[in-house]
Amino acid sequence: ARQFRDILENADREGLEPKSYHLKSIARQWGSIHAAKRAR
C-alpha cells in the first residue's frame, strides 16, 4: 500500500495525472484504526 501510494503520487512521471487516483480521499483515511475508514 505504501509503495502503491508513492507510485500514484508520482504518476506524472508516466505522463498521467495523480489527481485521477483518489489521492486526497486516500490521505484522509490513511493510518486510521477505525474499521470503517480502513475499509474505505
PDB file of all heavy atoms in Angstrom:
ATOM      1  N   ALA A   1       0.835  -1.205   0.000  1.00  0.00           N
ATOM      2  CA  ALA A   1       0.000   0.000   0.000  1.00  0.00           C
ATOM      3  C   ALA A   1       0.865   1.248   0.000  1.00  0.00           C
ATOM      4  O   ALA A   1       0.576   2.223  -0.724  1.00  0.00           O
ATOM      5  CB  ALA A   1      -0.930  -0.004   1.206  1.00  0.00           C
ATOM      6  N   ARG A   2       1.915   1.258   0.803  1.00  0.00           N
ATOM      7  CA  ARG A   2       2.807   2.420   0.828  1.00  0.00           C
ATOM      8  C   ARG A   2       3.524   2.589  -0.506  1.00  0.00           C
ATOM      9  O   ARG A   2       3.694   3.707  -1.007  1.00  0.00           O
ATOM     10  CB  ARG A   2       3.806   2.274   1.977  1.00  0.00           C
ATOM     11  CG  ARG A   2       3.155   2.316   3.358  1.00  0.00           C
ATOM     12  CD  ARG A   2       4.183   2.535   4.453  1.00  0.00           C
ATOM     13  NE  ARG A   2       5.115   1.410   4.566  1.00  0.00           N
ATOM     14  CZ  ARG A   2       4.914   0.352   5.340  1.00  0.00           C
ATOM     15  NH1 ARG A   2       3.787   0.255   6.048  1.00  0.00           N
ATOM     16  NH2 ARG A   2       5.805  -0.618   5.410  1.00  0.00           N
ATOM     17  N   GLN A   3       3.943   1.469  -1.085  1.00  0.00           N
ATOM     18  CA  GLN A   3       4.616   1.538  -2.384  1.00  0.00           C
ATOM     19  C   GLN A   3       3.671   2.036  -3.478  1.00  0.00           C
ATOM     20  O   GLN A   3       4.047   2.856  -4.319  1.00  0.00           O
ATOM     21  CB  GLN A   3       5.160   0.152  -2.745  1.00  0.00           C
ATOM     22  CG  GLN A   3       6.280  -0.316  -1.830  1.00  0.00           C
ATOM     23  CD  GLN A   3       6.641  -1.774  -2.054  1.00  0.00           C
ATOM     24  OE1 GLN A   3       5.806  -2.577  -2.499  1.00  0.00           O
ATOM     25  NE2 GLN A   3       7.880  -2.138  -1.760  1.00  0.00           N
ATOM     26  N   PHE A   4       2.426   1.550  -3.426  1.00  0.00           N
ATOM     27  CA  PHE A   4       1.459   1.960  -4.444  1.00  0.00           C
ATOM     28  C   PHE A   4       1.103   3.440  -4.302  1.00  0.00           C
ATOM     29  O   PHE A   4       0.982   4.164  -5.293  1.00  0.00           O
ATOM     30  CB  PHE A   4       0.208   1.093  -4.336  1.00  0.00           C
ATOM     31  CG  PHE A   4      -0.827   1.366  -5.395  1.00  0.00           C
ATOM     32  CD1 PHE A   4      -0.447   1.568  -6.719  1.00  0.00           C
ATOM     33  CD2 PHE A   4      -2.168   1.439  -5.076  1.00  0.00           C
ATOM     34  CE1 PHE A   4      -1.395   1.823  -7.704  1.00  0.00           C
ATOM     35  CE2 PHE A   4      -3.127   1.692  -6.054  1.00  0.00           C
ATOM     36  CZ  PHE A   4      -2.738   1.885  -7.365  1.00  0.00           C
ATOM     37  N   ARG A   5       0.949   3.904  -3.079  1.00  0.00           N
ATOM     38  CA  ARG A   5       0.646   5.329  -2.876  1.00  0.00           C
ATOM     39  C   ARG A   5       1.770   6.198  -3.431  1.00  0.00           C
ATOM     40  O   ARG A   5       1.514   7.240  -4.057  1.00  0.00           O
ATOM     41  CB  ARG A   5       0.438   5.604  -1.388  1.00  0.00           C
ATOM     42  CG  ARG A   5      -0.006   7.044  -1.103  1.00  0.00           C
ATOM     43  CD  ARG A   5      -0.165   7.291   0.385  1.00  0.00           C
ATOM     44  NE  ARG A   5      -0.602   8.667   0.645  1.00  0.00           N
ATOM     45  CZ  ARG A   5      -0.742   9.187   1.855  1.00  0.00           C
ATOM     46  NH1 ARG A   5      -0.507   8.449   2.939  1.00  0.00           N
ATOM     47  NH2 ARG A   5      -1.135  10.450   2.006  1.00  0.00           N
ATOM     48  N   ASP A   6       2.988   5.775  -3.224  1.00  0.00           N
ATOM     49  CA  ASP A   6       4.123   6.536  -3.764  1.00  0.00           C
ATOM     50  C   ASP A   6       4.085   6.556  -5.294  1.00  0.00           C
ATOM     51  O   ASP A   6       4.348   7.597  -5.917  1.00  0.00           O
ATOM     52  CB  ASP A   6       5.438   5.923  -3.278  1.00  0.00           C
ATOM     53  CG  ASP A   6       6.647   6.705  -3.771  1.00  0.00           C
ATOM     54  OD1 ASP A   6       6.814   7.864  -3.374  1.00  0.00           O
ATOM     55  OD2 ASP A   6       7.415   6.149  -4.582  1.00  0.00           O
ATOM     56  N   ILE A   7       3.749   5.426  -5.907  1.00  0.00           N
ATOM     57  CA  ILE A   7       3.623   5.359  -7.367  1.00  0.00           C
ATOM     58  C   ILE A   7       2.546   6.322  -7.847  1.00  0.00           C
ATOM     59  O   ILE A   7       2.722   7.060  -8.829  1.00  0.00           O
ATOM     60  CB  ILE A   7       3.300   3.924  -7.819  1.00  0.00           C
ATOM     61  CG1 ILE A   7       4.514   3.005  -7.629  1.00  0.00           C
ATOM     62  CG2 ILE A   7       2.818   3.890  -9.273  1.00  0.00           C
ATOM     63  CD1 ILE A   7       5.613   3.174  -8.641  1.00  0.00           C
ATOM     64  N   LEU A   8       1.405   6.350  -7.150  1.00  0.00           N
ATOM     65  CA  LEU A   8       0.305   7.224  -7.558  1.00  0.00           C
ATOM     66  C   LEU A   8       0.683   8.694  -7.421  1.00  0.00           C
ATOM     67  O   LEU A   8       0.349   9.519  -8.286  1.00  0.00           O
ATOM     68  CB  LEU A   8      -0.933   6.931  -6.710  1.00  0.00           C
ATOM     69  CG  LEU A   8      -1.585   5.553  -6.874  1.00  0.00           C
ATOM     70  CD1 LEU A   8      -2.792   5.435  -5.959  1.00  0.00           C
ATOM     71  CD2 LEU A   8      -1.982   5.307  -8.326  1.00  0.00           C
ATOM     72  N   GLU A   9       1.372   9.027  -6.348  1.00  0.00           N
ATOM     73  CA  GLU A   9       1.771  10.423  -6.136  1.00  0.00           C
ATOM     74  C   GLU A   9       2.769  10.894  -7.178  1.00  0.00           C
ATOM     75  O   GLU A   9       2.909  12.100  -7.412  1.00  0.00           O
ATOM     76  CB  GLU A   9       2.347  10.580  -4.724  1.00  0.00           C
ATOM     77  CG  GLU A   9       1.294  10.474  -3.630  1.00  0.00           C
ATOM     78  CD  GLU A   9       1.876  10.482  -2.228  1.00  0.00           C
ATOM     79  OE1 GLU A   9       3.120  10.252  -2.101  1.00  0.00           O
ATOM     80  OE2 GLU A   9       1.120  10.689  -1.262  1.00  0.00           O
ATOM     81  N   ASN A  10       3.431   9.945  -7.832  1.00  0.00           N
ATOM     82  CA  ASN A  10       4.408  10.287  -8.873  1.00  0.00           C
ATOM     83  C   ASN A  10       3.954   9.811 -10.256  1.00  0.00           C
ATOM     84  O   ASN A  10       4.780   9.598 -11.144  1.00  0.00           O
ATOM     85  CB  ASN A  10       5.768   9.679  -8.531  1.00  0.00           C
ATOM     86  CG  ASN A  10       6.389  10.308  -7.300  1.00  0.00           C
ATOM     87  OD1 ASN A  10       6.936  11.411  -7.365  1.00  0.00           O
ATOM     88  ND2 ASN A  10       6.279   9.638  -6.167  1.00  0.00           N
ATOM     89  N   ALA A  11       2.641   9.666 -10.441  1.00  0.00           N
ATOM     90  CA  ALA A  11       2.124   9.195 -11.724  1.00  0.00           C
ATOM     91  C   ALA A  11       2.426  10.156 -12.855  1.00  0.00           C
ATOM     92  O   ALA A  11       2.424   9.774 -14.029  1.00  0.00           O
ATOM     93  CB  ALA A  11       0.610   8.981 -11.625  1.00  0.00           C
ATOM     94  N   ASP A  12       2.710  11.425 -12.521  1.00  0.00           N
ATOM     95  CA  ASP A  12       3.048  12.389 -13.575  1.00  0.00           C
ATOM     96  C   ASP A  12       4.339  12.017 -14.289  1.00  0.00           C
ATOM     97  O   ASP A  12       4.575  12.457 -15.416  1.00  0.00           O
ATOM     98  CB  ASP A  12       3.145  13.808 -13.014  1.00  0.00           C
ATOM     99  CG  ASP A  12       4.160  13.928 -11.885  1.00  0.00           C
ATOM    100  OD1 ASP A  12       4.522  12.896 -11.289  1.00  0.00           O
ATOM    101  OD2 ASP A  12       4.578  15.070 -11.599  1.00  0.00           O
ATOM    102  N   ARG A  13       5.163  11.177 -13.682  1.00  0.00           N
ATOM    103  CA  ARG A  13       6.380  10.720 -14.362  1.00  0.00           C
ATOM    104  C   ARG A  13       6.035   9.888 -15.591  1.00  0.00           C
ATOM    105  O   ARG A  13       6.818   9.810 -16.535  1.00  0.00           O
ATOM    106  CB  ARG A  13       7.234   9.884 -13.405  1.00  0.00           C
ATOM    107  CG  ARG A  13       7.790  10.660 -12.217  1.00  0.00           C
ATOM    108  CD  ARG A  13       8.523   9.728 -11.254  1.00  0.00           C
ATOM    109  NE  ARG A  13       9.012  10.440 -10.078  1.00  0.00           N
ATOM    110  CZ  ARG A  13       9.560   9.850  -9.020  1.00  0.00           C
ATOM    111  NH1 ARG A  13       9.694   8.508  -9.017  1.00  0.00           N
ATOM    112  NH2 ARG A  13       9.977  10.560  -7.991  1.00  0.00           N
ATOM    113  N   GLU A  14       4.867   9.253 -15.558  1.00  0.00           N
ATOM    114  CA  GLU A  14       4.396   8.469 -16.704  1.00  0.00           C
ATOM    115  C   GLU A  14       3.495   9.300 -17.628  1.00  0.00           C
ATOM    116  O   GLU A  14       2.840   8.756 -18.517  1.00  0.00           O
ATOM    117  CB  GLU A  14       3.628   7.238 -16.218  1.00  0.00           C
ATOM    118  CG  GLU A  14       4.386   6.343 -15.256  1.00  0.00           C
ATOM    119  CD  GLU A  14       5.527   5.582 -15.927  1.00  0.00           C
ATOM    120  OE1 GLU A  14       5.529   5.481 -17.168  1.00  0.00           O
ATOM    121  OE2 GLU A  14       6.420   5.097 -15.205  1.00  0.00           O
ATOM    122  N   GLY A  15       3.451  10.600 -17.392  1.00  0.00           N
ATOM    123  CA  GLY A  15       2.579  11.444 -18.208  1.00  0.00           C
ATOM    124  C   GLY A  15       1.122  11.334 -17.812  1.00  0.00           C
ATOM    125  O   GLY A  15       0.242  11.705 -18.590  1.00  0.00           O
ATOM    126  N   LEU A  16       0.845  10.839 -16.606  1.00  0.00           N
ATOM    127  CA  LEU A  16      -0.513  10.682 -16.114  1.00  0.00           C
ATOM    128  C   LEU A  16      -0.810  11.727 -15.043  1.00  0.00           C
ATOM    129  O   LEU A  16       0.088  12.459 -14.608  1.00  0.00           O
ATOM    130  CB  LEU A  16      -0.712   9.271 -15.561  1.00  0.00           C
ATOM    131  CG  LEU A  16      -0.463   8.130 -16.555  1.00  0.00           C
ATOM    132  CD1 LEU A  16      -0.505   6.781 -15.840  1.00  0.00           C
ATOM    133  CD2 LEU A  16      -1.470   8.161 -17.691  1.00  0.00           C
ATOM    134  N   GLU A  17      -2.060  11.784 -14.583  1.00  0.00           N
ATOM    135  CA  GLU A  17      -2.493  12.775 -13.615  1.00  0.00           C
ATOM    136  C   GLU A  17      -2.684  12.141 -12.242  1.00  0.00           C
ATOM    137  O   GLU A  17      -3.617  11.342 -12.058  1.00  0.00           O
ATOM    138  CB  GLU A  17      -3.807  13.406 -14.066  1.00  0.00           C
ATOM    139  CG  GLU A  17      -3.646  14.440 -15.157  1.00  0.00           C
ATOM    140  CD  GLU A  17      -2.749  15.574 -14.718  1.00  0.00           C
ATOM    141  OE1 GLU A  17      -3.021  16.202 -13.669  1.00  0.00           O
ATOM    142  OE2 GLU A  17      -1.758  15.831 -15.411  1.00  0.00           O
ATOM    143  N   PRO A  18      -1.843  12.465 -11.251  1.00  0.00           N
ATOM    144  CA  PRO A  18      -2.013  11.886  -9.916  1.00  0.00           C
ATOM    145  C   PRO A  18      -3.407  12.123  -9.335  1.00  0.00           C
ATOM    146  O   PRO A  18      -3.938  11.261  -8.622  1.00  0.00           O
ATOM    147  CB  PRO A  18      -0.935  12.608  -9.087  1.00  0.00           C
ATOM    148  CG  PRO A  18       0.121  12.966 -10.091  1.00  0.00           C
ATOM    149  CD  PRO A  18      -0.632  13.306 -11.345  1.00  0.00           C
ATOM    150  N   LYS A  19      -4.030  13.247  -9.639  1.00  0.00           N
ATOM    151  CA  LYS A  19      -5.337  13.557  -9.058  1.00  0.00           C
ATOM    152  C   LYS A  19      -6.437  12.611  -9.558  1.00  0.00           C
ATOM    153  O   LYS A  19      -7.545  12.611  -8.999  1.00  0.00           O
ATOM    154  CB  LYS A  19      -5.723  15.000  -9.365  1.00  0.00           C
ATOM    155  CG  LYS A  19      -5.931  15.303 -10.834  1.00  0.00           C
ATOM    156  CD  LYS A  19      -6.236  16.779 -11.047  1.00  0.00           C
ATOM    157  CE  LYS A  19      -6.458  17.101 -12.517  1.00  0.00           C
ATOM    158  NZ  LYS A  19      -6.688  18.545 -12.733  1.00  0.00           N
ATOM    159  N   SER A  20      -6.137  11.815 -10.583  1.00  0.00           N
ATOM    160  CA  SER A  20      -7.136  10.867 -11.098  1.00  0.00           C
ATOM    161  C   SER A  20      -7.306   9.650 -10.204  1.00  0.00           C
ATOM    162  O   SER A  20      -8.208   8.843 -10.438  1.00  0.00           O
ATOM    163  CB  SER A  20      -6.723  10.389 -12.501  1.00  0.00           C
ATOM    164  OG  SER A  20      -6.638  11.465 -13.411  1.00  0.00           O
ATOM    165  N   TYR A  21      -6.456   9.514  -9.158  1.00  0.00           N
ATOM    166  CA  TYR A  21      -6.390   8.250  -8.425  1.00  0.00           C
ATOM    167  C   TYR A  21      -6.742   8.407  -6.938  1.00  0.00           C
ATOM    168  O   TYR A  21      -6.147   7.745  -6.091  1.00  0.00           O
ATOM    169  CB  TYR A  21      -5.003   7.634  -8.613  1.00  0.00           C
ATOM    170  CG  TYR A  21      -4.626   7.541 -10.074  1.00  0.00           C
ATOM    171  CD1 TYR A  21      -3.589   8.302 -10.603  1.00  0.00           C
ATOM    172  CD2 TYR A  21      -5.367   6.751 -10.945  1.00  0.00           C
ATOM    173  CE1 TYR A  21      -3.275   8.244 -11.951  1.00  0.00           C
ATOM    174  CE2 TYR A  21      -5.063   6.695 -12.300  1.00  0.00           C
ATOM    175  CZ  TYR A  21      -4.025   7.447 -12.796  1.00  0.00           C
ATOM    176  OH  TYR A  21      -3.724   7.407 -14.146  1.00  0.00           O
ATOM    177  N   HIS A  22      -7.713   9.268  -6.633  1.00  0.00           N
ATOM    178  CA  HIS A  22      -8.314   9.379  -5.285  1.00  0.00           C
ATOM    179  C   HIS A  22      -7.304   9.743  -4.200  1.00  0.00           C
ATOM    180  O   HIS A  22      -7.507   9.408  -3.018  1.00  0.00           O
ATOM    181  CB  HIS A  22      -8.998   8.056  -4.866  1.00  0.00           C
ATOM    182  CG  HIS A  22      -9.786   7.373  -5.924  1.00  0.00           C
ATOM    183  ND1 HIS A  22     -10.677   8.035  -6.751  1.00  0.00           N
ATOM    184  CD2 HIS A  22      -9.845   6.061  -6.311  1.00  0.00           C
ATOM    185  CE1 HIS A  22     -11.235   7.161  -7.575  1.00  0.00           C
ATOM    186  NE2 HIS A  22     -10.742   5.963  -7.347  1.00  0.00           N
ATOM    187  N   LEU A  23      -6.230  10.441  -4.538  1.00  0.00           N
ATOM    188  CA  LEU A  23      -5.164  10.647  -3.543  1.00  0.00           C
ATOM    189  C   LEU A  23      -5.624  11.465  -2.343  1.00  0.00           C
ATOM    190  O   LEU A  23      -5.208  11.185  -1.207  1.00  0.00           O
ATOM    191  CB  LEU A  23      -3.954  11.300  -4.217  1.00  0.00           C
ATOM    192  CG  LEU A  23      -3.077  10.336  -5.024  1.00  0.00           C
ATOM    193  CD1 LEU A  23      -2.047  11.082  -5.839  1.00  0.00           C
ATOM    194  CD2 LEU A  23      -2.392   9.332  -4.092  1.00  0.00           C
ATOM    195  N   LYS A  24      -6.476  12.456  -2.537  1.00  0.00           N
ATOM    196  CA  LYS A  24      -6.954  13.237  -1.389  1.00  0.00           C
ATOM    197  C   LYS A  24      -7.802  12.388  -0.461  1.00  0.00           C
ATOM    198  O   LYS A  24      -7.671  12.462   0.770  1.00  0.00           O
ATOM    199  CB  LYS A  24      -7.738  14.448  -1.883  1.00  0.00           C
ATOM    200  CG  LYS A  24      -6.876  15.538  -2.520  1.00  0.00           C
ATOM    201  CD  LYS A  24      -7.719  16.751  -2.884  1.00  0.00           C
ATOM    202  CE  LYS A  24      -6.846  17.855  -3.470  1.00  0.00           C
ATOM    203  NZ  LYS A  24      -7.641  19.069  -3.843  1.00  0.00           N
ATOM    204  N   SER A  25      -8.667  11.575  -1.041  1.00  0.00           N
ATOM    205  CA  SER A  25      -9.507  10.701  -0.217  1.00  0.00           C
ATOM    206  C   SER A  25      -8.666   9.652   0.491  1.00  0.00           C
ATOM    207  O   SER A  25      -8.925   9.303   1.653  1.00  0.00           O
ATOM    208  CB  SER A  25     -10.576  10.030  -1.082  1.00  0.00           C
ATOM    209  OG  SER A  25     -11.440  10.994  -1.654  1.00  0.00           O
ATOM    210  N   ILE A  26      -7.656   9.130  -0.214  1.00  0.00           N
ATOM    211  CA  ILE A  26      -6.760   8.142   0.396  1.00  0.00           C
ATOM    212  C   ILE A  26      -6.039   8.748   1.593  1.00  0.00           C
ATOM    213  O   ILE A  26      -5.913   8.117   2.654  1.00  0.00           O
ATOM    214  CB  ILE A  26      -5.754   7.617  -0.653  1.00  0.00           C
ATOM    215  CG1 ILE A  26      -6.471   6.683  -1.642  1.00  0.00           C
ATOM    216  CG2 ILE A  26      -4.589   6.890   0.018  1.00  0.00           C
ATOM    217  CD1 ILE A  26      -5.625   6.282  -2.845  1.00  0.00           C
ATOM    218  N   ALA A  27      -5.595   9.988   1.463  1.00  0.00           N
ATOM    219  CA  ALA A  27      -4.870  10.648   2.556  1.00  0.00           C
ATOM    220  C   ALA A  27      -5.763  10.816   3.787  1.00  0.00           C
ATOM    221  O   ALA A  27      -5.285  10.709   4.932  1.00  0.00           O
ATOM    222  CB  ALA A  27      -4.356  12.007   2.084  1.00  0.00           C
ATOM    223  N   ARG A  28      -7.055  11.065   3.568  1.00  0.00           N
ATOM    224  CA  ARG A  28      -7.966  11.270   4.706  1.00  0.00           C
ATOM    225  C   ARG A  28      -8.195   9.984   5.505  1.00  0.00           C
ATOM    226  O   ARG A  28      -8.448  10.042   6.708  1.00  0.00           O
ATOM    227  CB  ARG A  28      -9.300  11.828   4.212  1.00  0.00           C
ATOM    228  CG  ARG A  28      -9.230  13.299   3.797  1.00  0.00           C
ATOM    229  CD  ARG A  28     -10.633  13.887   3.662  1.00  0.00           C
ATOM    230  NE  ARG A  28     -11.352  13.315   2.534  1.00  0.00           N
ATOM    231  CZ  ARG A  28     -11.364  13.845   1.316  1.00  0.00           C
ATOM    232  NH1 ARG A  28     -10.673  14.957   1.072  1.00  0.00           N
ATOM    233  NH2 ARG A  28     -12.053  13.273   0.340  1.00  0.00           N
ATOM    234  N   GLN A  29      -8.113   8.844   4.833  1.00  0.00           N
ATOM    235  CA  GLN A  29      -8.346   7.570   5.518  1.00  0.00           C
ATOM    236  C   GLN A  29      -7.052   6.934   6.026  1.00  0.00           C
ATOM    237  O   GLN A  29      -7.105   5.996   6.828  1.00  0.00           O
ATOM    238  CB  GLN A  29      -9.033   6.571   4.560  1.00  0.00           C
ATOM    239  CG  GLN A  29     -10.149   7.123   3.699  1.00  0.00           C
ATOM    240  CD  GLN A  29     -11.302   7.700   4.484  1.00  0.00           C
ATOM    241  OE1 GLN A  29     -11.638   7.203   5.552  1.00  0.00           O
ATOM    242  NE2 GLN A  29     -11.915   8.761   3.969  1.00  0.00           N
ATOM    243  N   TRP A  30      -5.926   7.424   5.568  1.00  0.00           N
ATOM    244  CA  TRP A  30      -4.639   6.762   5.823  1.00  0.00           C
ATOM    245  C   TRP A  30      -4.302   6.740   7.329  1.00  0.00           C
ATOM    246  O   TRP A  30      -4.389   7.755   8.009  1.00  0.00           O
ATOM    247  CB  TRP A  30      -3.551   7.500   5.055  1.00  0.00           C
ATOM    248  CG  TRP A  30      -2.258   6.735   4.951  1.00  0.00           C
ATOM    249  CD1 TRP A  30      -1.189   6.801   5.795  1.00  0.00           C
ATOM    250  CD2 TRP A  30      -1.901   5.800   3.936  1.00  0.00           C
ATOM    251  NE1 TRP A  30      -0.196   5.967   5.394  1.00  0.00           N
ATOM    252  CE2 TRP A  30      -0.593   5.331   4.240  1.00  0.00           C
ATOM    253  CE3 TRP A  30      -2.550   5.307   2.819  1.00  0.00           C
ATOM    254  CZ2 TRP A  30       0.062   4.403   3.449  1.00  0.00           C
ATOM    255  CZ3 TRP A  30      -1.894   4.385   2.030  1.00  0.00           C
ATOM    256  CH2 TRP A  30      -0.606   3.941   2.335  1.00  0.00           C
ATOM    257  N   GLY A  31      -3.934   5.584   7.822  1.00  0.00           N
ATOM    258  CA  GLY A  31      -3.444   5.458   9.195  1.00  0.00           C
ATOM    259  C   GLY A  31      -4.518   5.344  10.250  1.00  0.00           C
ATOM    260  O   GLY A  31      -4.204   5.237  11.444  1.00  0.00           O
ATOM    261  N   SER A  32      -5.797   5.370   9.875  1.00  0.00           N
ATOM    262  CA  SER A  32      -6.857   5.292  10.874  1.00  0.00           C
ATOM    263  C   SER A  32      -6.974   3.875  11.444  1.00  0.00           C
ATOM    264  O   SER A  32      -6.751   2.888  10.743  1.00  0.00           O
ATOM    265  CB  SER A  32      -8.193   5.702  10.242  1.00  0.00           C
ATOM    266  OG  SER A  32      -9.244   5.518  11.172  1.00  0.00           O
ATOM    267  N   ILE A  33      -7.346   3.789  12.734  1.00  0.00           N
ATOM    268  CA  ILE A  33      -7.578   2.480  13.350  1.00  0.00           C
ATOM    269  C   ILE A  33      -9.038   2.075  13.229  1.00  0.00           C
ATOM    270  O   ILE A  33      -9.392   0.951  13.574  1.00  0.00           O
ATOM    271  CB  ILE A  33      -7.161   2.477  14.835  1.00  0.00           C
ATOM    272  CG1 ILE A  33      -8.053   3.426  15.648  1.00  0.00           C
ATOM    273  CG2 ILE A  33      -5.691   2.818  14.988  1.00  0.00           C
ATOM    274  CD1 ILE A  33      -7.880   3.289  17.151  1.00  0.00           C
ATOM    275  N   HIS A  34      -9.892   2.969  12.753  1.00  0.00           N
ATOM    276  CA  HIS A  34     -11.315   2.671  12.666  1.00  0.00           C
ATOM    277  C   HIS A  34     -11.589   1.756  11.483  1.00  0.00           C
ATOM    278  O   HIS A  34     -11.130   1.993  10.367  1.00  0.00           O
ATOM    279  CB  HIS A  34     -12.122   3.962  12.540  1.00  0.00           C
ATOM    280  CG  HIS A  34     -12.054   4.814  13.764  1.00  0.00           C
ATOM    281  ND1 HIS A  34     -12.823   4.582  14.887  1.00  0.00           N
ATOM    282  CD2 HIS A  34     -11.272   5.888  14.065  1.00  0.00           C
ATOM    283  CE1 HIS A  34     -12.540   5.476  15.805  1.00  0.00           C
ATOM    284  NE2 HIS A  34     -11.604   6.282  15.339  1.00  0.00           N
ATOM    285  N   ALA A  35     -12.372   0.741  11.750  1.00  0.00           N
ATOM    286  CA  ALA A  35     -12.641  -0.273  10.725  1.00  0.00           C
ATOM    287  C   ALA A  35     -13.298   0.335   9.491  1.00  0.00           C
ATOM    288  O   ALA A  35     -12.979  -0.037   8.357  1.00  0.00           O
ATOM    289  CB  ALA A  35     -13.527  -1.372  11.301  1.00  0.00           C
ATOM    290  N   ALA A  36     -14.222   1.259   9.679  1.00  0.00           N
ATOM    291  CA  ALA A  36     -14.921   1.858   8.539  1.00  0.00           C
ATOM    292  C   ALA A  36     -13.947   2.631   7.647  1.00  0.00           C
ATOM    293  O   ALA A  36     -14.003   2.542   6.415  1.00  0.00           O
ATOM    294  CB  ALA A  36     -16.041   2.767   9.026  1.00  0.00           C
ATOM    295  N   LYS A  37     -13.062   3.381   8.282  1.00  0.00           N
ATOM    296  CA  LYS A  37     -12.096   4.151   7.485  1.00  0.00           C
ATOM    297  C   LYS A  37     -11.088   3.231   6.810  1.00  0.00           C
ATOM    298  O   LYS A  37     -10.658   3.481   5.678  1.00  0.00           O
ATOM    299  CB  LYS A  37     -11.383   5.173   8.369  1.00  0.00           C
ATOM    300  CG  LYS A  37     -12.253   6.363   8.746  1.00  0.00           C
ATOM    301  CD  LYS A  37     -11.426   7.488   9.347  1.00  0.00           C
ATOM    302  CE  LYS A  37     -12.272   8.741   9.548  1.00  0.00           C
ATOM    303  NZ  LYS A  37     -11.464   9.874  10.041  1.00  0.00           N
ATOM    304  N   ARG A  38     -10.684   2.153   7.525  1.00  0.00           N
ATOM    305  CA  ARG A  38      -9.758   1.213   6.900  1.00  0.00           C
ATOM    306  C   ARG A  38     -10.415   0.517   5.710  1.00  0.00           C
ATOM    307  O   ARG A  38      -9.777   0.245   4.699  1.00  0.00           O
ATOM    308  CB  ARG A  38      -9.268   0.183   7.916  1.00  0.00           C
ATOM    309  CG  ARG A  38      -8.288   0.762   8.932  1.00  0.00           C
ATOM    310  CD  ARG A  38      -7.529  -0.316   9.683  1.00  0.00           C
ATOM    311  NE  ARG A  38      -8.375  -1.036  10.628  1.00  0.00           N
ATOM    312  CZ  ARG A  38      -8.719  -2.303  10.522  1.00  0.00           C
ATOM    313  NH1 ARG A  38      -8.287  -3.001   9.474  1.00  0.00           N
ATOM    314  NH2 ARG A  38      -9.469  -2.893  11.424  1.00  0.00           N
ATOM    315  N   ALA A  39     -11.707   0.260   5.814  1.00  0.00           N
ATOM    316  CA  ALA A  39     -12.432  -0.357   4.697  1.00  0.00           C
ATOM    317  C   ALA A  39     -12.499   0.607   3.511  1.00  0.00           C
ATOM    318  O   ALA A  39     -12.301   0.205   2.363  1.00  0.00           O
ATOM    319  CB  ALA A  39     -13.833  -0.752   5.141  1.00  0.00           C
ATOM    320  N   ARG A  40     -12.790   1.888   3.807  1.00  0.00           N
ATOM    321  CA  ARG A  40     -12.829   2.881   2.722  1.00  0.00           C
ATOM    322  C   ARG A  40     -11.456   2.998   2.058  1.00  0.00           C
ATOM    323  O   ARG A  40     -11.357   3.111   0.835  1.00  0.00           O
ATOM    324  CB  ARG A  40     -13.279   4.231   3.265  1.00  0.00           C
ATOM    325  CG  ARG A  40     -14.726   4.282   3.711  1.00  0.00           C
ATOM    326  CD  ARG A  40     -15.169   5.721   3.972  1.00  0.00           C
ATOM    327  NE  ARG A  40     -16.478   5.781   4.577  1.00  0.00           N
ATOM    328  CZ  ARG A  40     -16.719   5.894   5.882  1.00  0.00           C
ATOM    329  NH1 ARG A  40     -15.681   5.964   6.726  1.00  0.00           N
ATOM    330  NH2 ARG A  40     -17.951   5.934   6.351  1.00  0.00           N
TER     331      ARG A  40
END
